[in-house]
N, C-alpha and C. Protein backbone atom coordinates (compact mmCIF):
# COMPACT_ATOMS: atom_id res chain seq x y z
N MET A 1 10.05 11.66 -1.87
CA MET A 1 9.56 11.20 -3.16
C MET A 1 8.52 12.19 -3.66
N SER A 2 8.62 12.56 -4.86
CA SER A 2 7.69 13.53 -5.43
C SER A 2 6.53 12.84 -6.11
N ILE A 3 5.37 13.44 -5.99
CA ILE A 3 4.17 12.93 -6.64
C ILE A 3 4.34 12.92 -8.16
N ASP A 4 5.27 13.72 -8.69
CA ASP A 4 5.53 13.76 -10.12
C ASP A 4 6.02 12.41 -10.64
N ARG A 5 6.49 11.57 -9.79
CA ARG A 5 7.09 10.31 -10.22
C ARG A 5 6.04 9.27 -10.61
N PHE A 6 4.78 9.58 -10.39
CA PHE A 6 3.74 8.70 -10.87
C PHE A 6 2.56 9.53 -11.32
N ASP A 7 1.77 8.97 -12.19
CA ASP A 7 0.65 9.70 -12.79
C ASP A 7 -0.58 9.51 -11.91
N LEU A 8 -1.04 10.59 -11.30
CA LEU A 8 -2.19 10.51 -10.41
C LEU A 8 -3.18 11.59 -10.79
N ASP A 9 -4.42 11.18 -11.00
CA ASP A 9 -5.50 12.09 -11.34
C ASP A 9 -6.47 12.13 -10.16
N LEU A 10 -6.51 13.25 -9.46
CA LEU A 10 -7.34 13.36 -8.26
C LEU A 10 -8.84 13.32 -8.55
N THR A 11 -9.22 13.35 -9.81
CA THR A 11 -10.64 13.29 -10.15
C THR A 11 -11.10 11.86 -10.44
N ARG A 12 -10.17 10.91 -10.42
CA ARG A 12 -10.51 9.53 -10.76
C ARG A 12 -10.57 8.65 -9.52
N PRO A 13 -11.80 8.28 -9.10
CA PRO A 13 -11.94 7.43 -7.91
C PRO A 13 -11.18 6.11 -8.02
N ALA A 14 -10.91 5.65 -9.24
CA ALA A 14 -10.16 4.41 -9.40
C ALA A 14 -8.75 4.52 -8.80
N GLN A 15 -8.27 5.76 -8.62
CA GLN A 15 -6.93 5.96 -8.06
C GLN A 15 -6.98 6.35 -6.58
N ASP A 16 -8.17 6.34 -5.98
CA ASP A 16 -8.30 6.66 -4.55
C ASP A 16 -7.28 5.85 -3.75
N GLY A 17 -6.81 6.44 -2.66
CA GLY A 17 -5.89 5.71 -1.82
C GLY A 17 -5.14 6.59 -0.86
N VAL A 18 -4.19 5.97 -0.21
CA VAL A 18 -3.32 6.61 0.77
C VAL A 18 -1.92 6.61 0.16
N TYR A 19 -1.31 7.80 0.13
CA TYR A 19 -0.01 7.96 -0.52
C TYR A 19 0.97 8.68 0.40
N PHE A 20 2.21 8.24 0.38
CA PHE A 20 3.28 8.96 1.05
C PHE A 20 3.91 9.89 0.03
N VAL A 21 4.09 11.12 0.43
CA VAL A 21 4.67 12.13 -0.47
C VAL A 21 5.72 12.92 0.29
N GLY A 22 6.50 13.66 -0.46
CA GLY A 22 7.47 14.55 0.15
C GLY A 22 6.79 15.79 0.72
N VAL A 23 7.45 16.42 1.64
CA VAL A 23 6.91 17.62 2.30
C VAL A 23 6.55 18.69 1.28
N ASP A 24 7.37 18.85 0.26
CA ASP A 24 7.16 19.89 -0.74
C ASP A 24 5.97 19.61 -1.67
N ASP A 25 5.42 18.41 -1.62
CA ASP A 25 4.31 18.06 -2.51
C ASP A 25 2.95 18.55 -2.02
N LEU A 26 2.81 18.82 -0.74
CA LEU A 26 1.49 19.12 -0.18
C LEU A 26 0.86 20.38 -0.76
N ASP A 27 1.62 21.44 -0.93
CA ASP A 27 1.05 22.68 -1.47
C ASP A 27 0.53 22.46 -2.89
N ARG A 28 1.30 21.76 -3.70
CA ARG A 28 0.87 21.50 -5.08
C ARG A 28 -0.38 20.63 -5.11
N LEU A 29 -0.43 19.64 -4.24
CA LEU A 29 -1.62 18.79 -4.16
C LEU A 29 -2.84 19.60 -3.72
N ALA A 30 -2.65 20.50 -2.76
CA ALA A 30 -3.75 21.34 -2.30
C ALA A 30 -4.28 22.21 -3.43
N ARG A 31 -3.38 22.80 -4.21
CA ARG A 31 -3.80 23.63 -5.34
C ARG A 31 -4.54 22.81 -6.39
N THR A 32 -4.02 21.63 -6.70
CA THR A 32 -4.65 20.78 -7.70
C THR A 32 -6.04 20.35 -7.24
N ALA A 33 -6.16 19.94 -6.00
CA ALA A 33 -7.45 19.51 -5.47
C ALA A 33 -8.45 20.66 -5.46
N ALA A 34 -8.01 21.85 -5.06
CA ALA A 34 -8.90 23.01 -5.03
C ALA A 34 -9.35 23.37 -6.45
N ARG A 35 -8.44 23.28 -7.41
CA ARG A 35 -8.78 23.57 -8.80
C ARG A 35 -9.86 22.61 -9.30
N GLU A 36 -9.84 21.38 -8.83
CA GLU A 36 -10.82 20.37 -9.22
C GLU A 36 -12.08 20.41 -8.34
N GLU A 37 -12.13 21.40 -7.45
CA GLU A 37 -13.26 21.60 -6.54
C GLU A 37 -13.49 20.44 -5.58
N LEU A 38 -12.38 19.81 -5.19
CA LEU A 38 -12.42 18.77 -4.18
C LEU A 38 -12.29 19.42 -2.81
N GLY A 39 -12.87 18.82 -1.80
CA GLY A 39 -12.69 19.30 -0.44
C GLY A 39 -11.27 19.01 0.01
N VAL A 40 -10.59 20.01 0.51
CA VAL A 40 -9.20 19.85 0.95
C VAL A 40 -9.13 20.13 2.44
N CYS A 41 -8.50 19.24 3.15
CA CYS A 41 -8.30 19.45 4.58
C CYS A 41 -6.85 19.13 4.92
N ARG A 42 -6.20 20.09 5.58
CA ARG A 42 -4.82 19.91 6.03
C ARG A 42 -4.86 19.54 7.51
N ILE A 43 -4.10 18.52 7.86
CA ILE A 43 -4.00 18.08 9.25
C ILE A 43 -2.54 18.16 9.64
N ASP A 44 -2.24 19.03 10.58
CA ASP A 44 -0.86 19.21 11.04
C ASP A 44 -0.61 18.29 12.22
N LEU A 45 0.30 17.35 12.03
CA LEU A 45 0.62 16.39 13.08
C LEU A 45 1.92 16.72 13.82
N ALA A 46 2.41 17.94 13.68
CA ALA A 46 3.62 18.34 14.40
C ALA A 46 3.40 18.17 15.90
N GLY A 47 4.30 17.45 16.55
CA GLY A 47 4.20 17.23 17.98
C GLY A 47 3.16 16.20 18.39
N CYS A 48 2.57 15.52 17.45
CA CYS A 48 1.54 14.51 17.71
C CYS A 48 2.24 13.16 17.84
N HIS A 49 2.17 12.58 19.04
CA HIS A 49 2.96 11.37 19.29
C HIS A 49 2.16 10.18 19.81
N ASP A 50 0.82 10.28 19.82
CA ASP A 50 0.04 9.13 20.26
C ASP A 50 -1.40 9.23 19.75
N LYS A 51 -2.15 8.18 19.98
CA LYS A 51 -3.52 8.07 19.49
C LYS A 51 -4.40 9.21 19.98
N ASP A 52 -4.33 9.53 21.26
CA ASP A 52 -5.20 10.58 21.81
C ASP A 52 -4.95 11.92 21.13
N ALA A 53 -3.69 12.28 20.97
CA ALA A 53 -3.36 13.54 20.31
C ALA A 53 -3.79 13.49 18.84
N LEU A 54 -3.60 12.37 18.19
CA LEU A 54 -4.00 12.22 16.80
C LEU A 54 -5.51 12.42 16.65
N LEU A 55 -6.29 11.77 17.48
CA LEU A 55 -7.75 11.89 17.37
C LEU A 55 -8.21 13.32 17.66
N ARG A 56 -7.57 13.99 18.60
CA ARG A 56 -7.91 15.39 18.87
C ARG A 56 -7.58 16.27 17.65
N ARG A 57 -6.41 16.04 17.05
CA ARG A 57 -6.02 16.83 15.87
C ARG A 57 -7.01 16.61 14.72
N LEU A 58 -7.38 15.36 14.51
CA LEU A 58 -8.31 15.05 13.43
C LEU A 58 -9.69 15.65 13.69
N ALA A 59 -10.14 15.56 14.93
CA ALA A 59 -11.45 16.14 15.28
C ALA A 59 -11.46 17.64 15.00
N PHE A 60 -10.39 18.31 15.35
CA PHE A 60 -10.29 19.76 15.13
C PHE A 60 -10.19 20.10 13.63
N ALA A 61 -9.25 19.46 12.95
CA ALA A 61 -9.00 19.80 11.55
C ALA A 61 -10.17 19.45 10.64
N LEU A 62 -10.82 18.34 10.91
CA LEU A 62 -11.92 17.89 10.07
C LEU A 62 -13.28 18.40 10.54
N HIS A 63 -13.27 19.15 11.63
CA HIS A 63 -14.54 19.64 12.21
C HIS A 63 -15.51 18.48 12.41
N LEU A 64 -14.98 17.41 13.04
CA LEU A 64 -15.82 16.24 13.25
C LEU A 64 -17.02 16.59 14.12
N PRO A 65 -18.12 15.89 13.91
CA PRO A 65 -19.35 16.18 14.67
C PRO A 65 -19.12 16.09 16.18
N ALA A 66 -19.92 16.82 16.93
CA ALA A 66 -19.81 16.82 18.40
C ALA A 66 -20.01 15.42 18.97
N THR A 67 -20.64 14.55 18.22
CA THR A 67 -20.88 13.18 18.68
C THR A 67 -19.69 12.25 18.46
N PHE A 68 -18.60 12.78 17.87
CA PHE A 68 -17.42 11.97 17.62
C PHE A 68 -16.94 11.32 18.91
N GLY A 69 -16.72 10.01 18.88
CA GLY A 69 -16.41 9.23 20.07
C GLY A 69 -14.95 9.11 20.45
N TYR A 70 -14.05 9.75 19.74
CA TYR A 70 -12.61 9.71 20.04
C TYR A 70 -12.08 8.29 20.21
N ASN A 71 -12.43 7.44 19.24
CA ASN A 71 -11.87 6.10 19.18
C ASN A 71 -11.73 5.72 17.70
N TRP A 72 -11.05 4.60 17.45
CA TRP A 72 -10.77 4.22 16.07
C TRP A 72 -12.04 3.96 15.27
N ASP A 73 -13.02 3.28 15.87
CA ASP A 73 -14.26 2.97 15.14
C ASP A 73 -15.00 4.25 14.75
N ALA A 74 -15.04 5.20 15.66
CA ALA A 74 -15.71 6.48 15.36
C ALA A 74 -14.98 7.21 14.24
N LEU A 75 -13.66 7.18 14.26
CA LEU A 75 -12.89 7.82 13.20
C LEU A 75 -13.19 7.16 11.86
N ALA A 76 -13.20 5.84 11.83
CA ALA A 76 -13.50 5.12 10.59
C ALA A 76 -14.88 5.51 10.06
N ASP A 77 -15.86 5.57 10.93
CA ASP A 77 -17.22 5.95 10.51
C ASP A 77 -17.24 7.36 9.93
N CYS A 78 -16.58 8.29 10.59
CA CYS A 78 -16.58 9.68 10.13
C CYS A 78 -15.86 9.83 8.80
N LEU A 79 -14.74 9.15 8.63
CA LEU A 79 -13.98 9.30 7.39
C LEU A 79 -14.68 8.67 6.19
N ARG A 80 -15.53 7.70 6.45
CA ARG A 80 -16.30 7.11 5.34
C ARG A 80 -17.39 8.06 4.85
N ASP A 81 -17.84 8.93 5.73
CA ASP A 81 -18.93 9.84 5.36
C ASP A 81 -18.59 11.24 5.84
N LEU A 82 -17.96 12.01 4.98
CA LEU A 82 -17.59 13.39 5.31
C LEU A 82 -18.68 14.35 4.85
N GLY A 83 -19.93 13.96 5.05
CA GLY A 83 -21.07 14.71 4.55
C GLY A 83 -21.18 16.14 5.07
N TRP A 84 -20.63 16.43 6.23
CA TRP A 84 -20.67 17.79 6.76
C TRP A 84 -19.65 18.69 6.06
N MET A 85 -18.81 18.09 5.23
CA MET A 85 -17.82 18.83 4.43
C MET A 85 -18.26 18.73 2.97
N PRO A 86 -19.14 19.62 2.53
CA PRO A 86 -19.70 19.48 1.18
C PRO A 86 -18.65 19.58 0.09
N ALA A 87 -18.53 18.52 -0.65
CA ALA A 87 -17.62 18.44 -1.79
C ALA A 87 -17.92 17.15 -2.53
N TRP A 88 -17.55 17.08 -3.77
CA TRP A 88 -17.81 15.87 -4.54
C TRP A 88 -16.72 14.82 -4.35
N GLY A 89 -15.65 15.21 -3.67
CA GLY A 89 -14.56 14.32 -3.32
C GLY A 89 -13.67 15.00 -2.29
N HIS A 90 -12.77 14.24 -1.69
CA HIS A 90 -11.98 14.78 -0.58
C HIS A 90 -10.50 14.41 -0.70
N VAL A 91 -9.68 15.37 -0.27
CA VAL A 91 -8.24 15.18 -0.21
C VAL A 91 -7.78 15.61 1.17
N LEU A 92 -7.21 14.67 1.92
CA LEU A 92 -6.65 14.96 3.24
C LEU A 92 -5.14 15.03 3.12
N LEU A 93 -4.58 16.12 3.63
CA LEU A 93 -3.14 16.35 3.55
C LEU A 93 -2.57 16.36 4.96
N PHE A 94 -1.76 15.38 5.28
CA PHE A 94 -1.18 15.24 6.61
C PHE A 94 0.24 15.79 6.61
N GLU A 95 0.43 16.87 7.33
CA GLU A 95 1.75 17.46 7.48
C GLU A 95 2.44 16.86 8.71
N HIS A 96 3.76 16.74 8.65
CA HIS A 96 4.57 16.26 9.78
C HIS A 96 4.14 14.87 10.27
N ALA A 97 3.85 13.98 9.35
CA ALA A 97 3.39 12.64 9.71
C ALA A 97 4.49 11.77 10.29
N ASP A 98 5.75 12.12 10.03
CA ASP A 98 6.85 11.27 10.45
C ASP A 98 7.00 11.18 11.97
N GLY A 99 6.67 12.24 12.68
CA GLY A 99 6.78 12.20 14.14
C GLY A 99 5.88 11.13 14.74
N LEU A 100 4.65 11.08 14.27
CA LEU A 100 3.72 10.04 14.75
C LEU A 100 4.20 8.67 14.31
N ARG A 101 4.67 8.57 13.09
CA ARG A 101 5.15 7.28 12.57
C ARG A 101 6.27 6.72 13.43
N GLN A 102 7.17 7.60 13.88
CA GLN A 102 8.29 7.14 14.69
C GLN A 102 7.92 6.94 16.16
N ALA A 103 7.04 7.78 16.68
CA ALA A 103 6.72 7.72 18.11
C ALA A 103 5.69 6.65 18.45
N ALA A 104 4.78 6.39 17.54
CA ALA A 104 3.68 5.45 17.83
C ALA A 104 3.38 4.65 16.57
N GLU A 105 4.28 3.75 16.24
CA GLU A 105 4.17 3.00 15.00
C GLU A 105 2.85 2.23 14.89
N ALA A 106 2.41 1.63 15.97
CA ALA A 106 1.15 0.87 15.94
C ALA A 106 -0.03 1.79 15.65
N ASP A 107 -0.08 2.96 16.30
CA ASP A 107 -1.15 3.91 16.04
C ASP A 107 -1.09 4.43 14.61
N PHE A 108 0.10 4.68 14.12
CA PHE A 108 0.29 5.14 12.75
C PHE A 108 -0.23 4.09 11.77
N ASP A 109 0.08 2.83 12.02
CA ASP A 109 -0.38 1.76 11.15
C ASP A 109 -1.91 1.62 11.18
N ILE A 110 -2.51 1.80 12.34
CA ILE A 110 -3.97 1.75 12.43
C ILE A 110 -4.57 2.90 11.64
N LEU A 111 -3.99 4.10 11.79
CA LEU A 111 -4.46 5.24 11.01
C LEU A 111 -4.40 4.94 9.52
N LEU A 112 -3.29 4.38 9.05
CA LEU A 112 -3.16 4.05 7.63
C LEU A 112 -4.27 3.08 7.19
N GLY A 113 -4.56 2.10 8.02
CA GLY A 113 -5.62 1.15 7.69
C GLY A 113 -6.98 1.81 7.61
N ILE A 114 -7.26 2.73 8.53
CA ILE A 114 -8.54 3.45 8.52
C ILE A 114 -8.63 4.35 7.29
N LEU A 115 -7.55 5.04 6.98
CA LEU A 115 -7.53 5.89 5.79
C LEU A 115 -7.73 5.06 4.52
N ASP A 116 -7.06 3.92 4.45
CA ASP A 116 -7.18 3.05 3.29
C ASP A 116 -8.61 2.53 3.16
N ASP A 117 -9.22 2.18 4.26
CA ASP A 117 -10.60 1.71 4.26
C ASP A 117 -11.54 2.82 3.76
N ALA A 118 -11.33 4.04 4.21
CA ALA A 118 -12.15 5.17 3.78
C ALA A 118 -11.96 5.42 2.29
N ALA A 119 -10.73 5.31 1.80
CA ALA A 119 -10.47 5.50 0.38
C ALA A 119 -11.17 4.42 -0.45
N THR A 120 -11.15 3.19 0.02
CA THR A 120 -11.84 2.10 -0.66
C THR A 120 -13.34 2.35 -0.67
N PHE A 121 -13.87 2.83 0.45
CA PHE A 121 -15.28 3.17 0.54
C PHE A 121 -15.62 4.26 -0.47
N GLY A 122 -14.76 5.29 -0.58
CA GLY A 122 -14.97 6.35 -1.56
C GLY A 122 -14.95 5.82 -2.98
N GLN A 123 -14.02 4.92 -3.24
CA GLN A 123 -13.91 4.33 -4.58
C GLN A 123 -15.17 3.54 -4.91
N ASP A 124 -15.65 2.75 -3.94
CA ASP A 124 -16.87 1.98 -4.15
C ASP A 124 -18.07 2.88 -4.40
N ASP A 125 -18.02 4.10 -3.84
CA ASP A 125 -19.11 5.07 -3.99
C ASP A 125 -18.86 6.00 -5.18
N ASP A 126 -17.81 5.70 -5.97
CA ASP A 126 -17.42 6.49 -7.15
C ASP A 126 -17.17 7.96 -6.80
N ARG A 127 -16.45 8.15 -5.70
CA ARG A 127 -16.15 9.49 -5.19
C ARG A 127 -14.65 9.58 -4.92
N PRO A 128 -13.98 10.62 -5.44
CA PRO A 128 -12.55 10.77 -5.14
C PRO A 128 -12.31 10.90 -3.63
N TRP A 129 -11.34 10.15 -3.13
CA TRP A 129 -11.00 10.19 -1.71
C TRP A 129 -9.51 9.82 -1.58
N PHE A 130 -8.72 10.81 -1.21
CA PHE A 130 -7.28 10.63 -1.12
C PHE A 130 -6.75 11.11 0.22
N ALA A 131 -5.74 10.43 0.70
CA ALA A 131 -4.98 10.89 1.87
C ALA A 131 -3.51 10.89 1.47
N PHE A 132 -2.85 12.01 1.73
CA PHE A 132 -1.43 12.15 1.45
C PHE A 132 -0.71 12.46 2.75
N LEU A 133 0.26 11.64 3.09
CA LEU A 133 1.03 11.82 4.31
C LEU A 133 2.44 12.23 3.94
N ALA A 134 2.82 13.41 4.39
CA ALA A 134 4.15 13.94 4.06
C ALA A 134 5.20 13.36 4.99
N LEU A 135 6.24 12.84 4.37
CA LEU A 135 7.39 12.31 5.10
C LEU A 135 8.64 13.02 4.59
N PRO A 136 9.65 13.13 5.43
CA PRO A 136 10.89 13.76 4.97
C PRO A 136 11.57 12.89 3.92
N ASP A 137 12.37 13.52 3.09
CA ASP A 137 13.04 12.80 2.00
C ASP A 137 13.85 11.61 2.50
N ASN A 138 14.46 11.72 3.68
CA ASN A 138 15.28 10.61 4.17
C ASN A 138 14.45 9.37 4.48
N ALA A 139 13.14 9.52 4.73
CA ALA A 139 12.29 8.35 4.94
C ALA A 139 12.17 7.53 3.64
N PHE A 140 12.17 8.21 2.50
CA PHE A 140 12.10 7.52 1.21
C PHE A 140 13.46 6.90 0.89
N ASP A 141 14.52 7.59 1.27
CA ASP A 141 15.86 7.06 1.03
C ASP A 141 16.04 5.76 1.81
N ALA A 142 15.57 5.72 3.05
CA ALA A 142 15.70 4.53 3.88
C ALA A 142 14.87 3.37 3.29
N ALA A 143 13.67 3.69 2.80
CA ALA A 143 12.83 2.66 2.21
C ALA A 143 13.45 2.10 0.94
N ALA A 144 14.07 2.96 0.15
CA ALA A 144 14.69 2.50 -1.11
C ALA A 144 15.88 1.60 -0.85
N THR A 145 16.63 1.85 0.20
CA THR A 145 17.80 1.03 0.49
C THR A 145 17.42 -0.29 1.17
N SER A 146 16.21 -0.37 1.77
CA SER A 146 15.82 -1.59 2.46
C SER A 146 15.12 -2.57 1.53
N THR A 147 14.84 -2.17 0.27
CA THR A 147 14.16 -3.09 -0.66
C THR A 147 15.14 -3.79 -1.54
């Protein structure tokens, strides 16, 4: 599914949230976010199949503080306050998210909840905060046929 199919303004905190996008959308989103001077972070989840690997990837990609506790609560706290990443808003781009979604559905769902909570926190703070998770086109095809 292409981001072109809906109107999204990365500068409007009212639209903060977690979005599934096609693989080809990430580069365009990165360019748009950079043009708007938003902090952009790409997280590559290729080969990431469980919570421990996910938390390690996030700690590395986001340059999480040394005090990061490698648990869900610590991740939620860090994502609500990305103060060490100076920017007026943030865009997280998750590449290869489908492997984690298929291998560890419960962990994937928890991640989505934490991302959504952080986006809501950003919205409440009037700060752009978006997470985009790239899925292959067939994931959208399957969702369309199941509705």
